[in-house]
Protein backbone atom coordinates (compact mmCIF):
# COMPACT_ATOMS: atom_id res chain seq x y z
CA MET A 1 0.00 0.00 0.00
CA ASN A 2 1.08 3.57 -0.61
CA ASN A 3 -0.08 7.00 0.49
CA GLU A 4 -1.32 8.19 -2.90
CA ALA A 5 -5.08 8.67 -2.60
CA GLN A 6 -7.35 6.72 -4.94
CA THR A 7 -10.72 8.33 -5.68
CA PHE A 8 -14.10 6.56 -5.71
CA ASP A 9 -17.62 7.72 -6.39
CA VAL A 10 -18.83 5.76 -3.34
CA ALA A 11 -16.98 4.14 -0.43
CA ILE A 12 -18.98 1.70 1.74
CA ALA A 13 -17.94 0.66 5.24
CA GLY A 14 -19.42 -2.77 6.03
CA GLY A 15 -19.66 -5.83 3.80
CA GLY A 16 -22.85 -7.43 5.13
CA PRO A 17 -26.04 -7.77 3.06
CA ALA A 18 -26.81 -4.01 3.16
CA GLY A 19 -23.38 -2.86 2.03
CA ALA A 20 -23.02 -5.61 -0.57
CA ALA A 21 -26.47 -4.95 -2.07
CA ALA A 22 -25.69 -1.24 -2.37
CA ALA A 23 -22.27 -1.92 -3.89
CA LEU A 24 -23.80 -4.32 -6.42
CA LEU A 25 -26.41 -1.85 -7.68
CA LEU A 26 -24.05 1.12 -7.70
CA ALA A 27 -21.36 -0.78 -9.60
CA ARG A 28 -23.93 -1.92 -12.16
CA SER A 29 -24.81 1.74 -12.65
CA GLY A 30 -21.23 2.46 -13.65
CA ARG A 31 -20.09 4.02 -10.38
CA GLN A 32 -16.59 3.52 -9.02
CA VAL A 33 -17.34 1.68 -5.75
CA LEU A 34 -15.20 0.54 -2.84
CA LEU A 35 -16.68 -2.01 -0.40
CA ALA A 36 -14.58 -2.50 2.74
CA ASP A 37 -15.50 -5.28 5.17
CA ALA A 38 -13.61 -5.31 8.47
CA ALA A 39 -15.22 -8.54 9.75
CA PRO A 40 -13.17 -11.76 9.85
CA VAL A 41 -13.83 -14.03 6.87
CA ALA A 42 -16.41 -16.81 7.44
CA VAL A 43 -17.15 -15.74 11.03
CA PHE A 44 -20.47 -16.94 12.48
CA ARG A 45 -23.11 -14.20 12.73
CA VAL A 46 -26.51 -14.37 14.36
CA GLY A 47 -29.01 -13.31 11.71
CA GLU A 48 -29.98 -16.43 9.86
CA GLY A 49 -33.63 -16.14 8.90
CA LEU A 50 -34.67 -15.10 5.40
CA PRO A 51 -38.48 -14.70 5.24
CA PRO A 52 -40.44 -15.66 2.11
CA SER A 53 -41.05 -12.00 1.26
CA ALA A 54 -37.31 -11.51 0.67
CA HIS A 55 -37.34 -13.66 -2.48
CA SER A 56 -38.32 -10.66 -4.59
CA LEU A 57 -35.38 -8.62 -3.25
CA LEU A 58 -32.89 -11.31 -4.30
CA GLN A 59 -34.58 -11.57 -7.68
CA GLU A 60 -34.33 -7.82 -8.14
CA LEU A 61 -30.63 -8.00 -7.30
CA GLY A 62 -30.26 -10.75 -9.90
CA VAL A 63 -28.82 -13.30 -7.46
CA PHE A 64 -31.81 -15.51 -6.57
CA GLU A 65 -30.80 -18.52 -8.66
CA ARG A 66 -27.25 -18.33 -7.36
CA PHE A 67 -28.65 -18.09 -3.83
CA ARG A 68 -30.85 -21.16 -4.27
CA ALA A 69 -27.88 -23.19 -5.47
CA ASP A 70 -25.90 -22.50 -2.27
CA GLY A 71 -27.63 -25.11 -0.10
CA HIS A 72 -29.42 -22.97 2.50
CA ARG A 73 -31.95 -24.86 4.61
CA VAL A 74 -35.59 -24.45 3.63
CA SER A 75 -37.88 -23.18 6.40
CA HIS A 76 -41.56 -24.11 6.08
CA GLY A 77 -42.92 -21.94 8.88
CA ASN A 78 -42.90 -21.02 12.57
CA VAL A 79 -44.03 -22.75 15.73
CA SER A 80 -44.56 -20.54 18.75
CA VAL A 81 -45.61 -20.73 22.38
CA TRP A 82 -46.80 -17.15 22.59
CA GLY A 83 -49.90 -15.90 24.37
CA ALA A 84 -50.90 -19.43 25.38
CA ASP A 85 -49.29 -22.55 26.85
CA LYS A 86 -49.94 -24.66 23.76
CA PRO A 87 -47.65 -24.40 20.68
CA GLN A 88 -49.22 -22.92 17.56
CA SER A 89 -47.90 -23.30 14.02
CA VAL A 90 -47.88 -21.07 10.93
CA ASP A 91 -47.13 -22.83 7.65
CA PHE A 92 -45.58 -20.75 4.85
CA MET A 93 -47.23 -22.92 2.18
CA PHE A 94 -50.40 -20.90 2.71
CA GLN A 95 -48.61 -17.61 2.01
CA ALA A 96 -48.08 -15.99 -1.39
CA HIS A 97 -44.26 -16.09 -1.36
CA GLY A 98 -43.79 -19.76 -0.43
CA HIS A 99 -41.17 -21.00 2.01
CA GLY A 100 -38.34 -19.11 3.70
CA TYR A 101 -34.75 -20.12 4.43
CA GLN A 102 -32.37 -20.61 7.34
CA LEU A 103 -29.13 -19.16 6.05
CA ASP A 104 -25.54 -20.22 6.06
CA ARG A 105 -24.60 -16.61 6.81
CA PRO A 106 -20.91 -16.72 5.81
CA CYS A 107 -21.92 -18.32 2.49
CA PHE A 108 -24.75 -15.81 1.95
CA ASP A 109 -22.58 -12.78 2.67
CA ALA A 110 -19.77 -14.11 0.47
CA MET A 111 -22.21 -14.67 -2.40
CA LEU A 112 -23.42 -11.06 -2.30
CA LYS A 113 -19.88 -9.68 -2.13
CA HIS A 114 -18.85 -11.88 -5.04
CA ALA A 115 -21.75 -10.51 -7.09
CA ALA A 116 -20.67 -6.95 -6.23
CA ARG A 117 -17.11 -7.78 -7.28
CA GLU A 118 -18.33 -9.23 -10.58
CA ALA A 119 -20.30 -6.02 -11.20
CA GLY A 120 -17.08 -4.01 -10.90
CA ALA A 121 -16.87 -2.97 -7.24
CA LEU A 122 -13.52 -3.14 -5.47
CA VAL A 123 -14.23 -5.48 -2.55
CA CYS A 124 -11.68 -5.53 0.28
CA ASP A 125 -12.13 -8.23 2.94
CA GLN A 126 -10.70 -7.88 6.45
CA THR A 127 -10.15 -4.21 5.68
CA ARG A 128 -11.28 -1.26 7.78
CA LEU A 129 -12.50 2.00 6.29
CA SER A 130 -12.15 4.85 8.76
CA LEU A 131 -12.80 8.57 8.81
CA PRO A 132 -9.85 10.31 10.53
CA ASN A 133 -11.63 13.67 10.59
CA ALA A 134 -15.34 14.19 11.14
CA ALA A 135 -15.65 16.83 8.42
CA ARG A 136 -14.54 17.33 4.85
CA ASP A 137 -11.79 19.67 3.82
CA GLY A 138 -13.64 22.59 2.32
CA ALA A 139 -17.13 22.71 0.80
CA PHE A 140 -19.65 19.98 0.07
CA ASP A 141 -18.24 19.38 -3.41
CA GLN A 142 -14.91 18.31 -1.90
CA PRO A 143 -14.41 14.54 -1.36
CA PHE A 144 -14.19 12.75 1.96
CA ARG A 145 -10.63 11.77 2.83
CA MET A 146 -10.63 8.25 4.27
CA GLN A 147 -8.12 5.68 5.48
CA LEU A 148 -8.20 2.07 4.29
CA SER A 149 -6.33 -0.34 6.59
CA ASP A 150 -5.58 -4.07 6.58
CA SER A 151 -2.89 -6.38 7.98
CA SER A 152 -0.30 -5.07 5.53
CA GLY A 153 -0.71 -1.39 6.35
CA SER A 154 -2.89 1.53 5.35
CA ARG A 155 -3.45 3.95 2.51
CA ASN A 156 -5.54 7.02 1.83
CA ILE A 157 -8.59 7.14 -0.40
CA GLU A 158 -11.08 9.81 -1.38
CA CYS A 159 -14.78 9.42 -2.11
CA ARG A 160 -17.62 11.64 -3.23
CA TRP A 161 -20.12 9.61 -1.19
CA LEU A 162 -19.57 7.80 2.09
CA VAL A 163 -21.88 4.98 3.22
CA ASP A 164 -22.15 3.48 6.71
CA ALA A 165 -23.28 -0.14 6.47
CA GLY A 166 -21.33 -1.25 9.52
CA GLY A 167 -24.20 -2.38 11.75
CA ARG A 168 -25.55 -1.08 15.04
CA SER A 169 -22.17 0.35 16.12
CA GLY A 170 -22.47 3.03 13.43
CA THR A 171 -18.79 3.97 13.57
CA ILE A 172 -18.94 6.27 10.55
CA THR A 173 -22.16 8.06 11.48
CA ARG A 174 -20.92 8.60 15.04
CA ARG A 175 -17.80 10.25 13.63
CA LEU A 176 -20.12 12.49 11.61
CA GLY A 177 -21.95 13.50 14.81
CA VAL A 178 -25.24 11.74 14.02
CA GLU A 179 -27.08 10.52 17.11
CA ARG A 180 -28.75 7.12 17.45
CA CYS A 181 -32.04 6.75 19.31
CA LYS A 182 -32.77 3.39 20.97
CA THR A 183 -36.35 2.24 21.44
CA ASP A 184 -35.56 -0.62 23.85
CA ARG A 185 -32.71 -2.38 25.63
CA LEU A 186 -33.05 -5.86 24.17
CA ILE A 187 -29.99 -8.09 24.39
CA ALA A 188 -29.46 -11.60 22.98
CA PHE A 189 -27.54 -14.44 24.61
CA HIS A 190 -26.86 -17.16 22.06
CA THR A 191 -25.08 -20.45 21.60
CA LEU A 192 -24.81 -23.30 19.10
CA LEU A 193 -25.94 -26.84 19.97
CA GLN A 194 -24.84 -30.12 18.44
CA THR A 195 -26.10 -33.69 18.63
CA ASP A 196 -25.03 -37.16 17.57
CA SER A 197 -28.62 -37.96 16.67
CA ALA A 198 -30.11 -37.42 13.22
CA SER A 199 -33.64 -37.17 14.62
CA ASP A 200 -34.10 -33.39 14.35
CA CYS A 201 -35.39 -32.43 10.89
CA ASP A 202 -37.61 -29.54 11.98
CA GLY A 203 -36.60 -26.51 9.91
CA ARG A 204 -39.22 -24.21 11.39
CA THR A 205 -38.34 -21.25 13.58
CA MET A 206 -39.27 -22.02 17.20
CA ILE A 207 -40.29 -19.25 19.59
CA GLU A 208 -41.27 -19.45 23.26
CA ALA A 209 -42.22 -16.55 25.52
CA VAL A 210 -41.19 -16.66 29.18
CA GLN A 211 -41.71 -14.41 32.18
CA ASP A 212 -38.72 -12.13 31.59
CA GLY A 213 -38.20 -12.37 27.82
CA TRP A 214 -38.38 -14.99 25.09
CA TRP A 215 -36.41 -17.71 23.34
CA TYR A 216 -36.00 -18.72 19.73
CA SER A 217 -34.19 -21.54 17.97
CA VAL A 218 -33.49 -22.59 14.37
CA LEU A 219 -31.80 -25.56 12.72
CA LEU A 220 -28.93 -24.27 10.58
CA PRO A 221 -27.65 -25.72 7.29
CA SER A 222 -24.66 -27.07 9.24
CA ASN A 223 -27.12 -29.26 11.26
CA GLU A 224 -26.23 -27.27 14.35
CA ARG A 225 -29.09 -25.64 16.24
CA LEU A 226 -28.92 -21.99 17.18
CA LEU A 227 -30.47 -21.22 20.57
CA VAL A 228 -31.09 -17.61 21.65
CA TYR A 229 -32.48 -16.06 24.82
CA LEU A 230 -33.61 -12.41 24.67
CA CYS A 231 -34.22 -10.09 27.60
CA ASP A 232 -33.64 -6.45 28.51
CA SER A 233 -30.04 -5.64 29.34
CA ASP A 234 -30.89 -3.89 32.62
CA LEU A 235 -33.26 -6.65 33.78
CA GLY A 236 -30.74 -9.35 32.94
CA ARG A 237 -27.73 -7.58 34.44
CA THR A 238 -27.59 -9.78 37.57
CA GLU A 239 -27.76 -12.94 35.44
CA ARG A 240 -25.26 -11.87 32.79
CA ALA A 241 -22.29 -13.83 34.11
CA ALA A 242 -24.40 -16.98 34.45
CA LEU A 243 -25.94 -16.60 30.98
CA LEU A 244 -22.46 -16.33 29.46
CA SER A 245 -21.56 -19.73 30.96
CA THR A 246 -22.62 -23.11 29.60
CA ASP A 247 -24.18 -24.29 32.87
CA GLY A 248 -25.96 -21.01 33.58
CA PHE A 249 -27.41 -20.84 30.08
CA ALA A 250 -28.63 -24.43 30.33
CA ALA A 251 -30.23 -23.70 33.71
CA LYS A 252 -32.06 -20.70 32.26
CA LEU A 253 -33.42 -22.86 29.43
CA THR A 254 -35.41 -24.92 31.95
CA ASN A 255 -37.71 -21.88 32.32
CA ALA A 256 -38.81 -22.48 28.69
CA PRO A 257 -40.36 -25.95 29.08
CA HIS A 258 -41.20 -26.63 25.44
CA MET A 259 -37.79 -25.56 24.09
CA HIS A 260 -36.02 -27.39 26.91
CA GLN A 261 -37.94 -30.60 26.25
CA PHE A 262 -37.22 -30.38 22.52
CA CYS A 263 -33.46 -30.03 23.08
CA GLN A 264 -33.47 -32.98 25.49
CA LEU A 265 -35.51 -35.13 23.09
CA HIS A 266 -32.87 -34.77 20.36
CA GLY A 267 -29.84 -35.05 22.64
CA TYR A 268 -28.50 -31.56 22.07
CA ARG A 269 -25.43 -30.37 23.94
CA PRO A 270 -23.51 -27.06 23.78
CA ARG A 271 -20.96 -26.70 21.02
CA ARG A 272 -19.49 -23.48 22.39
CA VAL A 273 -19.71 -21.05 25.29
CA PRO A 274 -22.69 -18.64 25.03
CA GLN A 275 -22.10 -15.12 23.75
CA GLY A 276 -24.00 -11.85 24.08
CA ALA A 277 -25.05 -9.33 21.43
CA ASP A 278 -27.06 -6.13 21.16
CA ALA A 279 -30.53 -6.89 19.75
CA SER A 280 -32.20 -3.55 20.45
CA SER A 281 -34.51 -1.57 18.21
CA GLY A 282 -33.18 1.82 17.19
CA ARG A 283 -32.77 4.40 14.45
CA LEU A 284 -30.55 7.31 13.52
CA GLU A 285 -31.92 10.80 14.04
CA ARG A 286 -31.47 11.16 10.27
CA PHE A 287 -30.41 8.60 7.68
CA SER A 288 -28.42 10.72 5.23
CA GLY A 289 -26.79 14.11 4.81
CA ASP A 290 -24.35 15.98 2.62
CA GLY A 291 -22.44 13.22 0.85
CA TRP A 292 -23.20 10.44 3.34
CA LEU A 293 -25.88 7.80 3.89
CA ALA A 294 -26.59 4.90 6.31
CA LEU A 295 -27.93 1.45 5.43
CA GLY A 296 -29.18 -1.66 7.22
CA ASP A 297 -28.70 -1.87 10.98
CA ALA A 298 -26.54 1.24 10.86
CA ALA A 299 -29.70 3.15 9.90
CA LEU A 300 -32.52 1.06 11.43
CA SER A 301 -32.31 -1.94 13.74
CA PHE A 302 -35.24 -4.22 14.51
CA ASP A 303 -36.21 -6.67 17.25
CA PRO A 304 -35.45 -10.25 16.04
CA LEU A 305 -39.13 -11.06 16.64
CA SER A 306 -39.88 -9.15 13.43
CA SER A 307 -37.65 -11.41 11.27
CA GLN A 308 -36.85 -8.25 9.28
CA GLY A 309 -33.09 -8.02 9.80
CA ILE A 310 -31.86 -9.50 6.51
CA SER A 311 -34.80 -8.11 4.53
CA ASN A 312 -34.19 -4.64 5.95
CA ALA A 313 -30.51 -4.88 5.07
CA LEU A 314 -31.21 -5.85 1.46
CA TYR A 315 -34.03 -3.35 1.01
CA THR A 316 -32.23 -0.34 2.50
CA GLY A 317 -29.07 -1.28 0.60
CA MET A 318 -31.01 -1.12 -2.65
CA ALA A 319 -32.96 2.02 -1.67
CA GLY A 320 -29.75 3.74 -0.55
CA ALA A 321 -28.00 2.90 -3.82
CA ARG A 322 -30.88 4.40 -5.79
CA ALA A 323 -30.82 7.53 -3.64
CA ILE A 324 -27.08 8.00 -4.21
CA ASN A 325 -27.46 7.42 -7.94
CA ALA A 326 -30.23 10.00 -8.04
CA ALA A 327 -28.18 12.51 -6.04
CA LEU A 328 -25.15 12.01 -8.28
CA ASP A 329 -27.43 12.63 -11.25
CA GLY A 330 -28.46 15.96 -9.78
CA GLN A 331 -31.82 15.14 -8.14
CA LYS A 332 -31.78 17.49 -5.16
CA ASP A 333 -34.69 15.86 -3.30
CA ALA A 334 -33.24 12.31 -3.38
CA LEU A 335 -31.94 12.42 0.20
CA ALA A 336 -35.15 13.93 1.58
CA HIS A 337 -37.16 11.12 0.00
CA TYR A 338 -34.76 8.51 1.43
CA ASN A 339 -35.00 10.02 4.93
CA ASP A 340 -38.78 10.18 4.82
CA HIS A 341 -39.08 6.64 3.47
CA LEU A 342 -36.93 5.08 6.19
CA ALA A 343 -38.70 7.09 8.89
CA GLY A 344 -41.99 5.66 7.61
CA ILE A 345 -40.58 2.13 7.69
CA TYR A 346 -39.59 2.56 11.32
CA ARG A 347 -42.99 3.95 12.32
CA ALA A 348 -44.70 0.95 10.70
CA TYR A 349 -42.25 -1.39 12.43
CA LEU A 350 -43.04 0.07 15.87
CA SER A 351 -46.75 -0.37 15.26
CA ASN A 352 -46.30 -4.00 14.18
CA ARG A 353 -43.96 -4.67 17.10
CA ALA A 354 -46.53 -3.41 19.61
CA HIS A 355 -49.20 -5.52 17.90
CA PHE A 356 -47.27 -8.80 18.17
CA TYR A 357 -46.00 -8.23 21.71
CA GLY A 358 -49.58 -7.41 22.62
CA TYR A 359 -50.58 -11.04 21.98
CA GLU A 360 -48.63 -12.16 25.06
CA ARG A 361 -50.53 -11.26 28.27
CA ARG A 362 -49.62 -14.10 30.63
CA TRP A 363 -46.99 -11.97 32.38
CA ALA A 364 -48.49 -8.52 31.77
CA GLN A 365 -47.30 -7.25 35.15
CA GLN A 366 -43.66 -8.18 34.60
CA PRO A 367 -41.34 -5.28 33.61
CA PHE A 368 -40.21 -6.84 30.30
CA TRP A 369 -43.79 -7.18 29.07
CA GLN A 370 -45.09 -3.95 30.63
CA ARG A 371 -42.55 -2.01 28.56
CA ARG A 372 -43.73 -3.65 25.35
CA HIS A 373 -47.41 -3.20 26.09
CA ALA A 374 -46.98 0.55 26.44
CA PRO A 375 -47.89 2.67 23.37
CA PRO A 376 -44.96 2.91 20.91
CA GLN A 377 -43.05 6.19 20.92
């Protein structure tokens, strides 16, 4: 690497589905695009459900057939213990879009980045894109000066447009002084389970509400089962150390009788020590500005109950790419439309979130549920 700055039309920080979708569309439009992904290659990421409605997004990106050939596990529906003690099932075969999928996330992310690379984007894995200074040198028509760093060193680049697709942390937008507003304090404790039995063939998403939160589990393409417990970070503070241990996590699972019985029936045991992750709902105070734009979780983050994480990433990646293309073509209202559109998406999400949490009334007096039964703000 050298210190001579290379110039791009658009530089994107974050190589997940949002950043890759934006890079793919922008590169197809003839833009000079840099996509920098700082995450380790093939690392496991929670975020595995692709709902049936997302098929059209992959088709619009032109990658659906490639996606179907990658061996993701078909999901035929959901089974939930929510609002009643008896499990209830929803079968996707009765919906217009057909079945969903449980993703091999490293494979899915790699496929989207490969498509962006084929379209002409410069894709840099295990490479961090950082903004040394929070403001541009000079007026709006001057480029952002960025630093691109990997294990071999760093070099300077310049870009006309800067995109934050780096997830909830929002490193780029924070450097630009944009505030993030959280709607809740949801946190996820998760682990992977393995078994020597071949008896578990249930590809549905399983959900079970409990007194202080809820659980979900899915069977991954690797034949491992992901198990996740969600609660509020302040309510679970005293249990955090226990929930990050194998024994403590297993003890907590006994409070979810249906999920616990299922895991015992199929002989599941922990494959790794549990980990914690932010699962809160939140949004930026604004989603774009002079020469910058946020996508995916960096712009809007949703409760996993909504199953909107991957869909939101793909959709906002595509919408953001169109907004940047329009702005580069001189459409002055492109950013205003993008801001208004994402604000509307978040308002609709809050309404739907309140609706679905409202189904569960067995523990209406418990703090976790009281918070979610209050009118959305």
